[in-house]
């Protein structure tokens, strides 16, 4: 409770000593915060006008009847903004699928970065109503929060720059060729290693894409790192390039059968002729090679006469591309909120 007193300024030292002695005698730890008494624990979908009206019946609030504190589990944070002249306050939306709740957090502006990246979040606050342009909605006035899980940072990019290699931590590669080409860009004092060699690091930066979701899931479940950043770079995107249709496969195979030998170094010319991107042409040739439709000898590609019939989908390279497309859809081209929810589910 409040207290008022007056004393000479030369007695401030004595007052301080007496208060410190009292704290020591009663074993009061001045570094700890008071435990908050939570009155109600809710899921975000349980925060309804009916609940607010029921809680409001406990008013009027005061010293002997404090306003109830409500704890809410929050899967996702959206529309996070620093507000106020000095950006010392926060405003954001707590989201659980199609359910949303506005949150105001006074004097919490410094938590801006943390709230964007944490895996799991609990909010504690008091419900109130906000009326704007004739519409009344619920909002939570934040009093405290609790984070758990590791920090996840979204750095996904389809290009690598010098800025991609400034963070301190262990740089992780799924592809040995990428590791060999890019390890010199890693900051001095930091490691660059394959995903299969990661062990007990506290901060990881995942540079390139895995081959498929299974490879990534195996890697992620084994990690104990407190912080993981994701770049997921790939020179070519299977998700964006897609898979050629059967007509394109047929057109390419017919051309190969009509021309005895095609030099590998002239594939770019063939891609232009077939009106298909070079990476897709290379993929098609790999499928044909897997199925025994073509052969490659001394840099020359030629069609095999009367090969055994096999469906395109049975080729290992075809299945690998499907798996890569599914991986990119989940890890690279999803929203960060969707990816984070998926990652949290891996450890449950």
Protein backbone atom coordinates (compact mmCIF):
# COMPACT_ATOMS: atom_id res chain seq x y z
CA UNK A 1 0.00 0.00 0.00
CA UNK A 2 1.04 3.62 -0.35
CA UNK A 3 3.02 5.31 2.40
CA UNK A 4 4.01 8.95 2.87
CA UNK A 5 6.80 10.24 5.09
CA UNK A 6 9.26 13.08 5.42
CA UNK A 7 12.86 12.82 6.67
CA UNK A 8 16.05 14.83 6.45
CA UNK A 9 18.14 13.99 3.40
CA UNK A 10 21.13 13.14 5.61
CA UNK A 11 19.08 10.21 7.00
CA UNK A 12 18.54 8.52 3.60
CA UNK A 13 21.58 6.27 4.17
CA UNK A 14 20.24 5.12 7.54
CA UNK A 15 16.84 4.40 6.00
CA UNK A 16 18.44 2.38 3.24
CA UNK A 17 20.54 0.37 5.71
CA UNK A 18 17.49 -0.34 7.89
CA UNK A 19 15.46 -1.53 4.90
CA UNK A 20 18.30 -3.76 3.67
CA UNK A 21 18.68 -5.24 7.15
CA UNK A 22 14.96 -5.99 7.26
CA UNK A 23 15.12 -7.69 3.84
CA UNK A 24 18.07 -9.83 4.96
CA UNK A 25 16.44 -10.76 8.25
CA UNK A 26 13.26 -11.89 6.54
CA UNK A 27 15.13 -13.48 3.61
CA UNK A 28 13.41 -11.31 1.03
CA UNK A 29 14.88 -11.81 -2.45
CA UNK A 30 14.63 -8.41 -4.11
CA UNK A 31 15.64 -9.84 -7.50
CA UNK A 32 12.51 -11.97 -7.89
CA UNK A 33 9.11 -10.82 -9.05
CA UNK A 34 5.86 -11.47 -7.28
CA UNK A 35 3.99 -14.52 -8.53
CA UNK A 36 0.90 -13.59 -10.49
CA UNK A 37 -2.33 -15.25 -9.37
CA UNK A 38 -4.06 -16.51 -12.53
CA UNK A 39 -7.84 -16.54 -12.18
CA UNK A 40 -8.78 -18.19 -15.46
CA UNK A 41 -6.95 -20.22 -18.12
CA UNK A 42 -8.46 -20.15 -21.60
CA UNK A 43 -7.76 -21.16 -25.14
CA UNK A 44 -8.06 -18.33 -27.62
CA UNK A 45 -11.31 -19.74 -29.00
CA UNK A 46 -12.80 -19.59 -25.48
CA UNK A 47 -12.44 -15.80 -25.28
CA UNK A 48 -15.97 -14.76 -26.17
CA UNK A 49 -18.28 -11.83 -25.37
CA UNK A 50 -20.20 -14.17 -23.07
CA UNK A 51 -17.07 -14.93 -21.05
CA UNK A 52 -16.26 -11.22 -20.87
CA UNK A 53 -19.78 -10.41 -19.62
CA UNK A 54 -19.52 -13.13 -16.98
CA UNK A 55 -16.16 -11.84 -15.75
CA UNK A 56 -17.46 -8.25 -15.74
CA UNK A 57 -20.07 -9.19 -13.14
CA UNK A 58 -17.24 -9.35 -10.59
CA UNK A 59 -16.79 -5.56 -10.78
CA UNK A 60 -16.29 -3.05 -9.26
CA UNK A 61 -12.60 -3.76 -8.86
CA UNK A 62 -10.31 -2.34 -6.23
CA UNK A 63 -7.67 -3.17 -3.64
CA UNK A 64 -9.62 -6.02 -2.08
CA UNK A 65 -11.21 -7.12 -5.35
CA UNK A 66 -8.55 -7.03 -8.09
CA UNK A 67 -9.61 -7.39 -11.70
CA UNK A 68 -9.31 -11.06 -12.79
CA UNK A 69 -6.19 -12.12 -14.64
CA UNK A 70 -6.72 -14.42 -17.61
CA UNK A 71 -4.04 -16.68 -19.09
CA UNK A 72 -4.31 -17.52 -22.80
CA UNK A 73 -2.24 -19.93 -24.86
CA UNK A 74 -1.36 -18.30 -28.17
CA UNK A 75 -0.16 -20.37 -31.15
CA UNK A 76 0.59 -17.42 -33.43
CA UNK A 77 1.22 -13.67 -33.24
CA UNK A 78 0.29 -11.44 -36.19
CA UNK A 79 0.24 -7.71 -37.03
CA UNK A 80 2.94 -7.01 -34.46
CA UNK A 81 3.68 -3.27 -34.18
CA UNK A 82 5.63 -0.97 -31.92
CA UNK A 83 3.46 2.05 -31.11
CA UNK A 84 3.79 5.32 -29.27
CA UNK A 85 6.06 8.27 -29.93
CA UNK A 86 9.11 6.34 -28.70
CA UNK A 87 7.78 2.92 -29.78
CA UNK A 88 7.81 1.71 -26.18
CA UNK A 89 4.43 -0.05 -26.47
CA UNK A 90 3.26 -3.04 -28.49
CA UNK A 91 0.09 -3.86 -30.34
CA UNK A 92 -0.52 -7.23 -31.96
CA UNK A 93 -3.09 -9.89 -32.76
CA UNK A 94 -3.18 -13.27 -31.06
CA UNK A 95 -4.23 -15.87 -33.64
CA UNK A 96 -5.42 -19.47 -33.42
CA UNK A 97 -6.59 -20.61 -36.87
CA UNK A 98 -9.60 -18.35 -37.64
CA UNK A 99 -9.87 -16.90 -34.11
CA UNK A 100 -8.24 -13.53 -33.37
CA UNK A 101 -7.86 -11.29 -30.32
CA UNK A 102 -6.32 -7.81 -30.22
CA UNK A 103 -3.62 -7.33 -27.56
CA UNK A 104 -2.20 -4.09 -26.15
CA UNK A 105 1.07 -4.26 -24.22
CA UNK A 106 2.20 -1.04 -22.58
CA UNK A 107 5.94 -0.57 -21.96
CA UNK A 108 6.75 -3.85 -23.75
CA UNK A 109 8.25 -2.44 -26.95
CA UNK A 110 11.59 -4.12 -26.27
CA UNK A 111 9.95 -7.53 -26.75
CA UNK A 112 9.21 -6.85 -30.42
CA UNK A 113 11.87 -9.21 -31.82
CA UNK A 114 11.21 -11.98 -29.30
CA UNK A 115 7.48 -12.12 -30.02
CA UNK A 116 8.14 -12.63 -33.73
CA UNK A 117 10.30 -15.67 -33.24
CA UNK A 118 9.32 -17.73 -30.18
CA UNK A 119 7.84 -21.19 -30.63
CA UNK A 120 5.25 -21.03 -27.84
CA UNK A 121 3.61 -18.14 -26.00
CA UNK A 122 1.33 -17.60 -23.03
CA UNK A 123 -0.29 -14.22 -22.37
CA UNK A 124 -1.67 -12.97 -19.07
CA UNK A 125 -3.88 -9.92 -18.96
CA UNK A 126 -7.28 -8.40 -18.40
CA UNK A 127 -10.11 -8.44 -20.91
CA UNK A 128 -11.70 -5.21 -22.01
CA UNK A 129 -13.88 -3.90 -24.81
CA UNK A 130 -12.79 -1.58 -27.59
CA UNK A 131 -15.37 0.33 -29.62
CA UNK A 132 -14.28 1.75 -32.97
CA UNK A 133 -16.59 3.12 -35.65
CA UNK A 134 -19.61 1.59 -34.03
CA UNK A 135 -18.10 -1.89 -33.70
CA UNK A 136 -17.20 -3.34 -30.31
CA UNK A 137 -14.54 -6.02 -30.05
CA UNK A 138 -12.67 -7.67 -27.21
CA UNK A 139 -9.04 -6.93 -26.44
CA UNK A 140 -6.51 -8.11 -23.90
CA UNK A 141 -4.57 -5.59 -21.83
CA UNK A 142 -1.30 -7.46 -21.36
CA UNK A 143 0.19 -7.70 -17.87
CA UNK A 144 2.78 -10.41 -18.42
CA UNK A 145 3.81 -13.13 -20.82
CA UNK A 146 5.77 -16.35 -20.86
CA UNK A 147 7.72 -17.78 -23.76
CA UNK A 148 8.97 -21.33 -24.17
CA UNK A 149 10.65 -23.45 -26.80
CA UNK A 150 13.43 -22.32 -29.08
CA UNK A 151 13.72 -19.08 -31.01
CA UNK A 152 12.92 -19.53 -34.71
CA UNK A 153 14.04 -16.84 -37.16
CA UNK A 154 12.74 -16.43 -40.71
CA UNK A 155 15.54 -15.51 -43.14
CA UNK A 156 14.19 -17.46 -46.12
CA UNK A 157 15.53 -16.16 -49.41
CA UNK A 158 16.02 -17.28 -53.01
CA UNK A 159 19.36 -15.51 -53.14
CA UNK A 160 22.41 -15.36 -50.93
CA UNK A 161 24.15 -12.07 -50.11
CA UNK A 162 26.92 -11.00 -47.77
CA UNK A 163 24.19 -10.17 -45.26
CA UNK A 164 23.23 -13.85 -45.22
CA UNK A 165 26.51 -14.64 -43.46
CA UNK A 166 26.81 -12.09 -40.67
CA UNK A 167 25.05 -13.86 -37.78
CA UNK A 168 27.07 -15.69 -35.14
CA UNK A 169 26.39 -19.40 -34.97
CA UNK A 170 26.91 -22.69 -36.77
CA UNK A 171 26.07 -22.63 -40.48
CA UNK A 172 24.35 -25.85 -41.52
CA UNK A 173 24.30 -27.32 -45.05
CA UNK A 174 22.36 -30.29 -46.38
CA UNK A 175 24.28 -30.39 -49.66
CA UNK A 176 28.03 -31.14 -49.66
CA UNK A 177 28.56 -29.10 -52.84
CA UNK A 178 26.99 -26.02 -51.29
CA UNK A 179 29.17 -26.46 -48.21
CA UNK A 180 32.30 -26.67 -50.35
CA UNK A 181 31.34 -23.58 -52.36
CA UNK A 182 30.14 -21.36 -49.52
CA UNK A 183 32.13 -22.26 -46.39
CA UNK A 184 34.55 -19.38 -46.99
CA UNK A 185 31.67 -16.89 -46.57
CA UNK A 186 31.05 -18.01 -43.00
CA UNK A 187 32.25 -15.45 -40.40
CA UNK A 188 35.57 -16.04 -38.69
CA UNK A 189 35.14 -18.13 -35.57
CA UNK A 190 31.93 -19.79 -36.84
CA UNK A 191 31.56 -23.34 -38.12
CA UNK A 192 30.20 -24.53 -41.45
CA UNK A 193 29.12 -28.18 -41.26
CA UNK A 194 26.78 -30.73 -42.79
CA UNK A 195 23.39 -31.27 -41.16
CA UNK A 196 24.39 -34.82 -40.26
CA UNK A 197 27.33 -33.51 -38.19
CA UNK A 198 25.47 -31.00 -35.99
CA UNK A 199 25.97 -31.73 -32.29
CA UNK A 200 25.11 -29.60 -29.23
CA UNK A 201 25.34 -26.19 -30.91
CA UNK A 202 23.26 -23.40 -29.32
CA UNK A 203 22.63 -21.30 -32.45
CA UNK A 204 22.14 -22.70 -35.96
CA UNK A 205 21.72 -21.04 -39.36
CA UNK A 206 20.27 -23.47 -41.93
CA UNK A 207 21.63 -22.25 -45.26
CA UNK A 208 20.26 -24.55 -47.97
CA UNK A 209 17.29 -26.81 -48.60
CA UNK A 210 17.06 -30.45 -47.57
CA UNK A 211 16.27 -33.01 -50.25
CA UNK A 212 12.87 -33.77 -48.75
CA UNK A 213 10.78 -33.43 -45.61
CA UNK A 214 12.03 -36.71 -44.15
CA UNK A 215 15.63 -35.49 -44.20
CA UNK A 216 14.63 -32.24 -42.52
CA UNK A 217 12.43 -33.90 -39.89
CA UNK A 218 15.27 -36.21 -38.89
CA UNK A 219 17.61 -33.23 -38.56
CA UNK A 220 15.17 -31.00 -36.66
CA UNK A 221 14.09 -33.60 -34.10
CA UNK A 222 17.71 -34.16 -33.13
CA UNK A 223 18.46 -30.51 -32.40
CA UNK A 224 18.87 -29.02 -28.92
CA UNK A 225 19.76 -25.54 -30.17
CA UNK A 226 18.10 -22.57 -28.45
CA UNK A 227 17.97 -20.59 -31.70
CA UNK A 228 17.57 -21.69 -35.32
CA UNK A 229 17.53 -19.39 -38.34
CA UNK A 230 16.26 -20.60 -41.72
CA UNK A 231 17.53 -19.38 -45.10
CA UNK A 232 16.61 -22.46 -47.17
CA UNK A 233 18.45 -21.25 -50.27
CA UNK A 234 18.19 -23.20 -53.52
CA UNK A 235 19.54 -22.27 -56.93
CA UNK A 236 16.42 -23.66 -58.61
CA UNK A 237 12.97 -23.96 -57.08
CA UNK A 238 11.19 -27.21 -57.93
CA UNK A 239 8.00 -25.78 -56.43
CA UNK A 240 8.00 -22.77 -58.75
CA UNK A 241 9.28 -24.61 -61.84
CA UNK A 242 6.90 -27.53 -61.36
CA UNK A 243 6.98 -30.74 -63.39
CA UNK A 244 6.72 -30.87 -67.21
CA UNK A 245 3.51 -32.39 -68.53
CA UNK A 246 3.45 -35.65 -70.50
CA UNK A 247 3.22 -33.80 -73.79
CA UNK A 248 6.50 -32.02 -73.05
CA UNK A 249 8.15 -35.32 -72.09
CA UNK A 250 6.89 -36.89 -75.32
CA UNK A 251 8.08 -33.94 -77.45
CA UNK A 252 11.55 -34.15 -75.92
CA UNK A 253 11.82 -37.92 -76.40
CA UNK A 254 10.67 -37.69 -80.03
CA UNK A 255 13.38 -35.09 -80.71
CA UNK A 256 16.02 -37.33 -79.16
CA UNK A 257 14.92 -40.27 -81.28
CA UNK A 258 15.06 -38.16 -84.43
CA UNK A 259 18.56 -36.85 -83.71
CA UNK A 260 21.30 -39.41 -83.21
CA UNK A 261 23.47 -37.57 -80.69
CA UNK A 262 23.00 -34.43 -78.60
CA UNK A 263 26.00 -32.80 -76.95
CA UNK A 264 25.49 -32.06 -73.27
CA UNK A 265 27.17 -28.70 -73.72
CA UNK A 266 24.44 -27.68 -76.19
CA UNK A 267 21.46 -28.46 -73.99
CA UNK A 268 20.70 -24.76 -73.63
CA UNK A 269 20.03 -24.64 -77.40
CA UNK A 270 17.72 -27.66 -77.13
CA UNK A 271 15.86 -26.01 -74.26
CA UNK A 272 15.23 -22.94 -76.41
CA UNK A 273 14.04 -25.12 -79.30
CA UNK A 274 11.65 -27.07 -77.06
CA UNK A 275 10.54 -23.85 -75.35
CA UNK A 276 11.30 -25.18 -71.91
CA UNK A 277 13.59 -23.94 -69.15
CA UNK A 278 17.03 -25.56 -69.01
CA UNK A 279 16.62 -26.94 -65.43
CA UNK A 280 13.40 -28.67 -66.50
CA UNK A 281 15.08 -30.13 -69.59
CA UNK A 282 17.89 -31.52 -67.44
CA UNK A 283 15.27 -33.02 -65.11
CA UNK A 284 13.47 -34.67 -68.06
CA UNK A 285 16.71 -36.17 -69.34
CA UNK A 286 17.44 -37.53 -65.87
CA UNK A 287 14.01 -39.20 -65.83
CA UNK A 288 14.66 -40.73 -69.27
CA UNK A 289 18.07 -41.95 -68.12
CA UNK A 290 16.60 -43.54 -64.94
CA UNK A 291 14.01 -45.38 -67.06
CA UNK A 292 16.52 -46.52 -69.66
CA UNK A 293 15.01 -44.38 -72.44
CA UNK A 294 18.29 -42.57 -73.15
CA UNK A 295 21.98 -43.18 -72.62
CA UNK A 296 24.88 -40.80 -72.10
CA UNK A 297 28.31 -41.67 -73.47
CA UNK A 298 31.29 -39.29 -73.53
CA UNK A 299 29.08 -36.23 -73.22
CA UNK A 300 26.70 -37.36 -75.97
CA UNK A 301 23.02 -38.08 -75.29
CA UNK A 302 21.14 -40.51 -77.49
CA UNK A 303 17.84 -42.37 -77.38
CA UNK A 304 17.82 -46.10 -76.62
CA UNK A 305 16.17 -48.14 -79.38
CA UNK A 306 13.09 -50.12 -78.26
CA UNK A 307 13.49 -49.58 -74.48
CA UNK A 308 11.26 -51.31 -71.94
CA UNK A 309 8.12 -49.36 -71.16
CA UNK A 310 7.89 -47.70 -67.73
CA UNK A 311 5.62 -44.95 -66.41
CA UNK A 312 7.40 -41.64 -65.93
CA UNK A 313 6.32 -41.57 -62.28
CA UNK A 314 8.32 -44.74 -61.55
CA UNK A 315 11.67 -42.98 -62.12
CA UNK A 316 13.64 -42.24 -58.94
CA UNK A 317 14.38 -38.70 -60.13
CA UNK A 318 10.65 -38.09 -60.71
CA UNK A 319 9.81 -39.19 -57.17
CA UNK A 320 12.66 -37.09 -55.78
CA UNK A 321 11.30 -34.01 -57.53
CA UNK A 322 7.81 -34.62 -56.15
CA UNK A 323 9.34 -34.90 -52.67
CA UNK A 324 11.29 -31.67 -53.17
CA UNK A 325 8.18 -29.83 -54.30
CA UNK A 326 6.33 -30.99 -51.19
CA UNK A 327 9.28 -29.97 -49.00
CA UNK A 328 9.46 -26.49 -50.54
CA UNK A 329 5.71 -26.05 -50.17
CA UNK A 330 5.98 -26.79 -46.44
CA UNK A 331 9.27 -25.09 -45.57
CA UNK A 332 9.97 -22.39 -48.15
CA UNK A 333 6.72 -21.07 -49.58
CA UNK A 334 4.45 -21.34 -46.54
CA UNK A 335 3.92 -18.32 -44.30
CA UNK A 336 6.28 -18.18 -41.35
CA UNK A 337 3.34 -18.71 -38.98
CA UNK A 338 2.37 -21.88 -40.87
CA UNK A 339 5.95 -23.15 -40.88
CA UNK A 340 6.40 -22.38 -37.18
CA UNK A 341 3.22 -24.27 -36.26
CA UNK A 342 4.46 -27.25 -38.27
CA UNK A 343 7.88 -27.15 -36.58
CA UNK A 344 6.32 -27.00 -33.13
CA UNK A 345 4.27 -30.07 -34.03
CA UNK A 346 7.42 -32.05 -34.88
CA UNK A 347 8.52 -32.04 -31.24
CA UNK A 348 5.15 -32.96 -29.77
